[in-house]
Amino acid sequence: MCSVGVSTEDQAREGFSLPEQEKRLRAMCEFKGYEVYKVYEDAGISAKTGNKRPAFDELLQDIKDKKCNTIVVLKLDRLTRSVADWEKILTFLEENDAFLDCANDDINTTNANGKMISRILTPVSQQEIERTSERTKIGLAGAIKVGQPPCP
């Protein structure tokens, strides 16, 4: 059984709706012979470290309870963009005999190559978050310097 994760971040960045994302993930599950247990959606909540994601927490509990054993997402960064968090998730999956399969990334943690690729791509996602944060701070500092305080 698999669980399907969708996010509004994809909608904004890649231009497709939540129903379209779910449709793509369900098609992947059908192609691979996965039975869809449930769709978990933390709409509008980033996979950034520290964010509370109730649906993701529910997914982890369902994996612990053996209700599902495969997480299906469009991209690895839908789960996390943190190297440390990914290692925790990977350990959790291994401890619970569960897996991750990504539609757009060549990642399937049922094998060593998929795990290796995930460990290569996660730092790239983390660096993207860090660069965005740096640019935002520089932009805010520049706006304040010229007398344009940030809007609340």
N, C-alpha and C. Protein backbone atom coordinates (compact mmCIF):
# COMPACT_ATOMS: atom_id res chain seq x y z
N MET A 1 0.83 -1.18 0.00
CA MET A 1 0.00 0.00 0.00
C MET A 1 0.87 1.24 0.00
N CYS A 2 0.41 2.26 -0.64
CA CYS A 2 1.19 3.49 -0.69
C CYS A 2 0.37 4.67 -0.23
N SER A 3 1.06 5.69 0.17
CA SER A 3 0.43 6.96 0.50
C SER A 3 0.95 7.98 -0.49
N VAL A 4 0.13 8.93 -0.81
CA VAL A 4 0.47 9.91 -1.81
C VAL A 4 0.54 11.28 -1.16
N GLY A 5 1.63 12.00 -1.40
CA GLY A 5 1.78 13.34 -0.84
C GLY A 5 1.71 14.40 -1.91
N VAL A 6 0.97 15.47 -1.65
CA VAL A 6 0.89 16.59 -2.58
C VAL A 6 1.14 17.89 -1.83
N SER A 7 1.50 18.94 -2.57
CA SER A 7 1.87 20.21 -1.93
C SER A 7 1.51 21.38 -2.83
N THR A 8 1.11 22.48 -2.22
CA THR A 8 0.80 23.67 -3.01
C THR A 8 2.08 24.35 -3.48
N GLU A 9 3.23 24.06 -2.92
CA GLU A 9 4.48 24.63 -3.42
C GLU A 9 4.69 24.22 -4.87
N ASP A 10 4.40 22.96 -5.20
CA ASP A 10 4.52 22.51 -6.57
C ASP A 10 3.59 23.30 -7.47
N GLN A 11 2.38 23.54 -7.00
CA GLN A 11 1.40 24.27 -7.79
C GLN A 11 1.95 25.65 -8.16
N ALA A 12 2.50 26.33 -7.19
CA ALA A 12 3.00 27.69 -7.44
C ALA A 12 4.23 27.66 -8.35
N ARG A 13 5.16 26.76 -8.11
CA ARG A 13 6.42 26.74 -8.84
C ARG A 13 6.28 26.10 -10.21
N GLU A 14 5.54 25.03 -10.31
CA GLU A 14 5.51 24.26 -11.55
C GLU A 14 4.21 24.40 -12.31
N GLY A 15 3.25 25.15 -11.76
CA GLY A 15 2.07 25.49 -12.50
C GLY A 15 1.04 24.39 -12.67
N PHE A 16 0.91 23.48 -11.73
CA PHE A 16 -0.20 22.54 -11.82
C PHE A 16 -0.88 22.41 -10.47
N SER A 17 -2.18 22.15 -10.55
CA SER A 17 -3.04 22.17 -9.37
C SER A 17 -2.86 20.94 -8.50
N LEU A 18 -3.39 21.03 -7.28
CA LEU A 18 -3.36 19.87 -6.39
C LEU A 18 -4.06 18.67 -7.02
N PRO A 19 -5.24 18.83 -7.63
CA PRO A 19 -5.86 17.67 -8.28
C PRO A 19 -4.99 17.06 -9.38
N GLU A 20 -4.27 17.90 -10.13
CA GLU A 20 -3.39 17.39 -11.18
C GLU A 20 -2.22 16.61 -10.58
N GLN A 21 -1.67 17.14 -9.48
CA GLN A 21 -0.58 16.42 -8.82
C GLN A 21 -1.05 15.05 -8.34
N GLU A 22 -2.23 15.05 -7.69
CA GLU A 22 -2.76 13.79 -7.19
C GLU A 22 -3.02 12.82 -8.34
N LYS A 23 -3.53 13.33 -9.45
CA LYS A 23 -3.79 12.49 -10.62
C LYS A 23 -2.50 11.84 -11.11
N ARG A 24 -1.43 12.63 -11.19
CA ARG A 24 -0.13 12.09 -11.64
C ARG A 24 0.39 11.02 -10.68
N LEU A 25 0.25 11.28 -9.39
CA LEU A 25 0.75 10.32 -8.41
C LEU A 25 -0.09 9.03 -8.41
N ARG A 26 -1.39 9.17 -8.54
CA ARG A 26 -2.26 7.99 -8.62
C ARG A 26 -1.94 7.16 -9.87
N ALA A 27 -1.67 7.85 -10.98
CA ALA A 27 -1.31 7.14 -12.21
C ALA A 27 -0.01 6.36 -12.01
N MET A 28 0.94 6.97 -11.32
CA MET A 28 2.20 6.28 -11.04
C MET A 28 1.94 5.04 -10.18
N CYS A 29 1.11 5.20 -9.15
CA CYS A 29 0.79 4.07 -8.28
C CYS A 29 0.13 2.95 -9.08
N GLU A 30 -0.79 3.31 -9.95
CA GLU A 30 -1.46 2.29 -10.77
C GLU A 30 -0.45 1.58 -11.66
N PHE A 31 0.44 2.36 -12.30
CA PHE A 31 1.46 1.79 -13.18
C PHE A 31 2.36 0.81 -12.44
N LYS A 32 2.72 1.17 -11.21
CA LYS A 32 3.64 0.33 -10.43
C LYS A 32 2.93 -0.76 -9.64
N GLY A 33 1.60 -0.76 -9.69
CA GLY A 33 0.86 -1.78 -8.96
C GLY A 33 0.69 -1.49 -7.48
N TYR A 34 0.86 -0.23 -7.09
CA TYR A 34 0.67 0.16 -5.70
C TYR A 34 -0.82 0.37 -5.42
N GLU A 35 -1.27 -0.07 -4.28
CA GLU A 35 -2.63 0.23 -3.82
C GLU A 35 -2.56 1.52 -3.02
N VAL A 36 -3.35 2.52 -3.38
CA VAL A 36 -3.34 3.79 -2.67
C VAL A 36 -4.13 3.64 -1.38
N TYR A 37 -3.46 3.88 -0.28
CA TYR A 37 -4.11 3.83 1.03
C TYR A 37 -4.80 5.15 1.33
N LYS A 38 -4.05 6.26 1.16
CA LYS A 38 -4.57 7.57 1.54
C LYS A 38 -3.72 8.65 0.89
N VAL A 39 -4.32 9.81 0.66
CA VAL A 39 -3.59 10.98 0.19
C VAL A 39 -3.37 11.89 1.40
N TYR A 40 -2.11 12.23 1.65
CA TYR A 40 -1.75 13.11 2.76
C TYR A 40 -1.37 14.46 2.17
N GLU A 41 -2.01 15.51 2.63
CA GLU A 41 -1.79 16.83 2.05
C GLU A 41 -1.61 17.87 3.14
N ASP A 42 -0.41 18.45 3.19
CA ASP A 42 -0.15 19.58 4.06
C ASP A 42 -0.11 20.82 3.16
N ALA A 43 -1.27 21.26 2.73
CA ALA A 43 -1.38 22.34 1.75
C ALA A 43 -0.73 23.62 2.25
N GLY A 44 0.19 24.14 1.44
CA GLY A 44 0.80 25.43 1.74
C GLY A 44 1.87 25.40 2.80
N ILE A 45 2.23 24.22 3.32
CA ILE A 45 3.25 24.12 4.36
C ILE A 45 4.53 23.60 3.72
N SER A 46 5.60 24.35 3.85
CA SER A 46 6.88 23.97 3.27
C SER A 46 7.47 22.77 3.99
N ALA A 47 8.28 22.01 3.27
CA ALA A 47 8.99 20.88 3.86
C ALA A 47 10.25 21.32 4.59
N LYS A 48 10.34 22.61 4.86
CA LYS A 48 11.48 23.18 5.57
C LYS A 48 11.52 22.68 7.01
N THR A 49 12.72 22.51 7.53
CA THR A 49 12.90 22.06 8.91
C THR A 49 12.16 22.96 9.89
N GLY A 50 11.48 22.34 10.84
CA GLY A 50 10.82 23.09 11.90
C GLY A 50 9.36 23.37 11.65
N ASN A 51 8.90 23.20 10.42
CA ASN A 51 7.48 23.44 10.14
C ASN A 51 6.64 22.28 10.66
N LYS A 52 5.52 22.61 11.25
CA LYS A 52 4.58 21.58 11.73
C LYS A 52 3.76 21.11 10.53
N ARG A 53 3.79 19.82 10.29
CA ARG A 53 3.06 19.24 9.16
C ARG A 53 2.17 18.11 9.67
N PRO A 54 0.93 18.43 10.04
CA PRO A 54 0.04 17.42 10.63
C PRO A 54 -0.18 16.20 9.74
N ALA A 55 -0.37 16.39 8.45
CA ALA A 55 -0.60 15.25 7.57
C ALA A 55 0.64 14.37 7.47
N PHE A 56 1.81 14.99 7.45
CA PHE A 56 3.05 14.21 7.41
C PHE A 56 3.22 13.40 8.70
N ASP A 57 2.91 14.02 9.83
CA ASP A 57 2.97 13.29 11.10
C ASP A 57 1.99 12.11 11.11
N GLU A 58 0.80 12.34 10.54
CA GLU A 58 -0.19 11.26 10.44
C GLU A 58 0.34 10.13 9.54
N LEU A 59 0.99 10.50 8.44
CA LEU A 59 1.59 9.51 7.54
C LEU A 59 2.61 8.66 8.28
N LEU A 60 3.49 9.30 9.04
CA LEU A 60 4.50 8.54 9.78
C LEU A 60 3.85 7.58 10.78
N GLN A 61 2.80 8.03 11.43
CA GLN A 61 2.10 7.15 12.38
C GLN A 61 1.45 5.98 11.64
N ASP A 62 0.87 6.24 10.48
CA ASP A 62 0.25 5.16 9.70
C ASP A 62 1.28 4.15 9.24
N ILE A 63 2.49 4.61 8.94
CA ILE A 63 3.57 3.68 8.59
C ILE A 63 3.94 2.84 9.81
N LYS A 64 4.07 3.48 10.97
CA LYS A 64 4.36 2.74 12.20
C LYS A 64 3.29 1.69 12.48
N ASP A 65 2.03 2.07 12.22
CA ASP A 65 0.90 1.18 12.47
C ASP A 65 0.70 0.16 11.35
N LYS A 66 1.61 0.14 10.36
CA LYS A 66 1.58 -0.81 9.25
C LYS A 66 0.34 -0.67 8.37
N LYS A 67 -0.21 0.54 8.31
CA LYS A 67 -1.35 0.79 7.42
C LYS A 67 -0.90 1.02 5.99
N CYS A 68 0.33 1.47 5.82
CA CYS A 68 0.92 1.65 4.49
C CYS A 68 2.43 1.47 4.62
N ASN A 69 3.10 1.25 3.48
CA ASN A 69 4.53 1.00 3.55
C ASN A 69 5.35 1.73 2.48
N THR A 70 4.70 2.53 1.65
CA THR A 70 5.43 3.26 0.62
C THR A 70 4.88 4.68 0.53
N ILE A 71 5.78 5.65 0.57
CA ILE A 71 5.42 7.05 0.38
C ILE A 71 5.70 7.38 -1.08
N VAL A 72 4.72 7.94 -1.74
CA VAL A 72 4.88 8.34 -3.14
C VAL A 72 4.74 9.85 -3.21
N VAL A 73 5.77 10.52 -3.73
CA VAL A 73 5.76 11.97 -3.86
C VAL A 73 6.28 12.33 -5.25
N LEU A 74 6.00 13.56 -5.67
CA LEU A 74 6.53 14.01 -6.95
C LEU A 74 8.05 14.15 -6.91
N LYS A 75 8.54 14.78 -5.83
CA LYS A 75 9.96 15.04 -5.71
C LYS A 75 10.38 14.86 -4.25
N LEU A 76 11.63 14.53 -4.06
CA LEU A 76 12.15 14.32 -2.70
C LEU A 76 11.97 15.57 -1.84
N ASP A 77 12.11 16.75 -2.43
CA ASP A 77 12.01 17.96 -1.62
C ASP A 77 10.59 18.25 -1.14
N ARG A 78 9.62 17.44 -1.52
CA ARG A 78 8.27 17.54 -0.96
C ARG A 78 8.26 16.99 0.47
N LEU A 79 9.21 16.12 0.78
CA LEU A 79 9.31 15.57 2.14
C LEU A 79 10.22 16.42 3.01
N THR A 80 11.39 16.77 2.47
CA THR A 80 12.34 17.55 3.25
C THR A 80 13.37 18.18 2.32
N ARG A 81 13.96 19.25 2.83
CA ARG A 81 15.08 19.88 2.14
C ARG A 81 16.29 19.93 3.06
N SER A 82 16.26 19.13 4.08
CA SER A 82 17.33 19.11 5.09
C SER A 82 18.03 17.76 5.08
N VAL A 83 19.34 17.80 5.01
CA VAL A 83 20.13 16.57 5.03
C VAL A 83 19.87 15.80 6.32
N ALA A 84 19.89 16.50 7.45
CA ALA A 84 19.68 15.84 8.74
C ALA A 84 18.28 15.23 8.82
N ASP A 85 17.26 15.98 8.38
CA ASP A 85 15.89 15.45 8.40
C ASP A 85 15.75 14.24 7.48
N TRP A 86 16.39 14.30 6.29
CA TRP A 86 16.28 13.17 5.36
C TRP A 86 16.88 11.91 5.98
N GLU A 87 18.00 12.05 6.65
CA GLU A 87 18.61 10.87 7.28
C GLU A 87 17.67 10.29 8.35
N LYS A 88 16.98 11.16 9.09
CA LYS A 88 16.01 10.68 10.08
C LYS A 88 14.86 9.95 9.39
N ILE A 89 14.36 10.53 8.29
CA ILE A 89 13.26 9.89 7.56
C ILE A 89 13.72 8.56 6.97
N LEU A 90 14.91 8.54 6.39
CA LEU A 90 15.45 7.30 5.80
C LEU A 90 15.60 6.22 6.87
N THR A 91 16.12 6.60 8.03
CA THR A 91 16.24 5.64 9.14
C THR A 91 14.87 5.16 9.58
N PHE A 92 13.91 6.08 9.69
CA PHE A 92 12.55 5.72 10.06
C PHE A 92 11.98 4.71 9.06
N LEU A 93 12.15 4.98 7.77
CA LEU A 93 11.64 4.06 6.75
C LEU A 93 12.28 2.69 6.89
N GLU A 94 13.59 2.65 7.07
CA GLU A 94 14.29 1.37 7.21
C GLU A 94 13.81 0.61 8.45
N GLU A 95 13.64 1.32 9.56
CA GLU A 95 13.20 0.68 10.81
C GLU A 95 11.77 0.14 10.70
N ASN A 96 10.98 0.73 9.81
CA ASN A 96 9.58 0.34 9.69
C ASN A 96 9.30 -0.43 8.39
N ASP A 97 10.36 -0.92 7.76
CA ASP A 97 10.25 -1.70 6.53
C ASP A 97 9.35 -0.99 5.52
N ALA A 98 9.64 0.31 5.32
CA ALA A 98 8.86 1.15 4.42
C ALA A 98 9.81 1.82 3.42
N PHE A 99 9.21 2.43 2.39
CA PHE A 99 10.00 2.94 1.28
C PHE A 99 9.47 4.28 0.78
N LEU A 100 10.27 4.92 -0.04
CA LEU A 100 9.89 6.16 -0.71
C LEU A 100 10.06 5.94 -2.21
N ASP A 101 9.11 6.44 -2.98
CA ASP A 101 9.21 6.39 -4.44
C ASP A 101 8.81 7.77 -4.97
N CYS A 102 9.70 8.40 -5.73
CA CYS A 102 9.47 9.74 -6.26
C CYS A 102 9.16 9.67 -7.75
N ALA A 103 8.12 10.36 -8.14
CA ALA A 103 7.69 10.36 -9.54
C ALA A 103 8.67 11.09 -10.45
N ASN A 104 9.15 12.26 -10.03
CA ASN A 104 10.00 13.08 -10.90
C ASN A 104 11.49 12.90 -10.67
N ASP A 105 11.88 12.35 -9.56
CA ASP A 105 13.30 12.09 -9.28
C ASP A 105 13.51 10.58 -9.41
N ASP A 106 14.69 10.18 -9.78
CA ASP A 106 14.99 8.75 -9.90
C ASP A 106 15.35 8.20 -8.53
N ILE A 107 14.37 8.26 -7.63
CA ILE A 107 14.61 7.81 -6.26
C ILE A 107 13.56 6.79 -5.87
N ASN A 108 14.04 5.64 -5.48
CA ASN A 108 13.19 4.59 -4.95
C ASN A 108 14.05 3.91 -3.89
N THR A 109 13.69 4.09 -2.63
CA THR A 109 14.57 3.62 -1.55
C THR A 109 14.49 2.12 -1.30
N THR A 110 13.93 1.37 -2.25
CA THR A 110 13.94 -0.09 -2.11
C THR A 110 15.30 -0.66 -2.47
N ASN A 111 16.20 0.20 -2.98
CA ASN A 111 17.52 -0.31 -3.36
C ASN A 111 18.62 0.69 -2.98
N ALA A 112 19.85 0.21 -2.97
CA ALA A 112 20.99 1.02 -2.55
C ALA A 112 21.20 2.23 -3.47
N ASN A 113 21.02 2.05 -4.78
CA ASN A 113 21.20 3.17 -5.70
C ASN A 113 20.21 4.29 -5.44
N GLY A 114 18.96 3.95 -5.18
CA GLY A 114 17.95 4.96 -4.87
C GLY A 114 18.29 5.72 -3.61
N LYS A 115 18.78 5.01 -2.60
CA LYS A 115 19.18 5.67 -1.36
C LYS A 115 20.35 6.61 -1.60
N MET A 116 21.30 6.17 -2.43
CA MET A 116 22.46 7.01 -2.73
C MET A 116 22.03 8.28 -3.46
N ILE A 117 21.17 8.15 -4.46
CA ILE A 117 20.69 9.32 -5.20
C ILE A 117 19.98 10.29 -4.26
N SER A 118 19.19 9.75 -3.33
CA SER A 118 18.51 10.63 -2.38
C SER A 118 19.50 11.39 -1.52
N ARG A 119 20.59 10.74 -1.17
CA ARG A 119 21.60 11.40 -0.34
C ARG A 119 22.41 12.43 -1.14
N ILE A 120 22.41 12.31 -2.44
CA ILE A 120 23.07 13.31 -3.29
C ILE A 120 22.16 14.51 -3.51
N LEU A 121 20.87 14.27 -3.73
CA LEU A 121 19.94 15.36 -4.06
C LEU A 121 19.51 16.20 -2.86
N THR A 122 19.47 15.62 -1.68
CA THR A 122 19.00 16.37 -0.51
C THR A 122 19.87 17.59 -0.20
N PRO A 123 21.19 17.51 -0.25
CA PRO A 123 21.98 18.73 -0.01
C PRO A 123 21.70 19.84 -1.02
N VAL A 124 21.36 19.47 -2.25
CA VAL A 124 21.02 20.47 -3.26
C VAL A 124 19.76 21.22 -2.84
N SER A 125 18.76 20.50 -2.35
CA SER A 125 17.53 21.13 -1.88
C SER A 125 17.79 22.02 -0.67
N GLN A 126 18.64 21.53 0.24
CA GLN A 126 18.97 22.32 1.43
C GLN A 126 19.69 23.60 1.02
N GLN A 127 20.60 23.51 0.06
CA GLN A 127 21.33 24.68 -0.40
C GLN A 127 20.38 25.67 -1.04
N GLU A 128 19.38 25.20 -1.76
CA GLU A 128 18.38 26.08 -2.39
C GLU A 128 17.64 26.90 -1.33
N ILE A 129 17.24 26.24 -0.23
CA ILE A 129 16.57 26.94 0.87
C ILE A 129 17.50 27.98 1.48
N GLU A 130 18.76 27.60 1.72
CA GLU A 130 19.71 28.51 2.34
C GLU A 130 19.98 29.72 1.45
N ARG A 131 20.10 29.51 0.13
CA ARG A 131 20.33 30.63 -0.79
C ARG A 131 19.13 31.57 -0.83
N THR A 132 17.93 31.00 -0.83
CA THR A 132 16.72 31.82 -0.82
C THR A 132 16.67 32.67 0.44
N SER A 133 17.02 32.08 1.57
CA SER A 133 17.05 32.81 2.83
C SER A 133 18.07 33.95 2.78
N GLU A 134 19.24 33.66 2.23
CA GLU A 134 20.27 34.70 2.11
C GLU A 134 19.78 35.85 1.24
N ARG A 135 19.18 35.54 0.10
CA ARG A 135 18.70 36.59 -0.80
C ARG A 135 17.61 37.42 -0.13
N THR A 136 16.74 36.76 0.62
CA THR A 136 15.67 37.47 1.31
C THR A 136 16.25 38.44 2.34
N LYS A 137 17.22 37.98 3.11
CA LYS A 137 17.85 38.84 4.12
C LYS A 137 18.56 40.03 3.48
N ILE A 138 19.24 39.79 2.37
CA ILE A 138 19.93 40.88 1.67
C ILE A 138 18.91 41.89 1.14
N GLY A 139 17.83 41.37 0.57
CA GLY A 139 16.77 42.24 0.05
C GLY A 139 16.13 43.07 1.14
N LEU A 140 15.84 42.46 2.29
CA LEU A 140 15.24 43.19 3.40
C LEU A 140 16.19 44.26 3.94
N ALA A 141 17.47 43.89 4.07
CA ALA A 141 18.46 44.86 4.57
C ALA A 141 18.58 46.03 3.61
N GLY A 142 18.56 45.75 2.31
CA GLY A 142 18.65 46.82 1.32
C GLY A 142 17.44 47.73 1.36
N ALA A 143 16.25 47.15 1.51
CA ALA A 143 15.02 47.94 1.58
C ALA A 143 15.02 48.84 2.81
N ILE A 144 15.45 48.30 3.93
CA ILE A 144 15.50 49.09 5.17
C ILE A 144 16.51 50.22 5.03
N LYS A 145 17.64 49.93 4.40
CA LYS A 145 18.70 50.91 4.24
C LYS A 145 18.23 52.13 3.44
N VAL A 146 17.36 51.89 2.45
CA VAL A 146 16.87 53.01 1.63
C VAL A 146 15.55 53.56 2.14
N GLY A 147 15.16 53.13 3.35
CA GLY A 147 13.97 53.68 3.98
C GLY A 147 12.65 53.05 3.60
N GLN A 148 12.70 51.84 3.10
CA GLN A 148 11.48 51.12 2.75
C GLN A 148 11.34 49.88 3.65
N PRO A 149 10.78 50.07 4.83
CA PRO A 149 10.64 48.93 5.74
C PRO A 149 9.76 47.84 5.11
N PRO A 150 10.03 46.61 5.44
CA PRO A 150 9.23 45.50 4.88
C PRO A 150 7.79 45.60 5.31
N CYS A 151 6.90 45.14 4.44
CA CYS A 151 5.47 45.12 4.76
C CYS A 151 5.19 43.97 5.71
N PRO A 152 4.24 44.16 6.63
CA PRO A 152 3.91 43.09 7.58
C PRO A 152 3.24 41.93 6.90
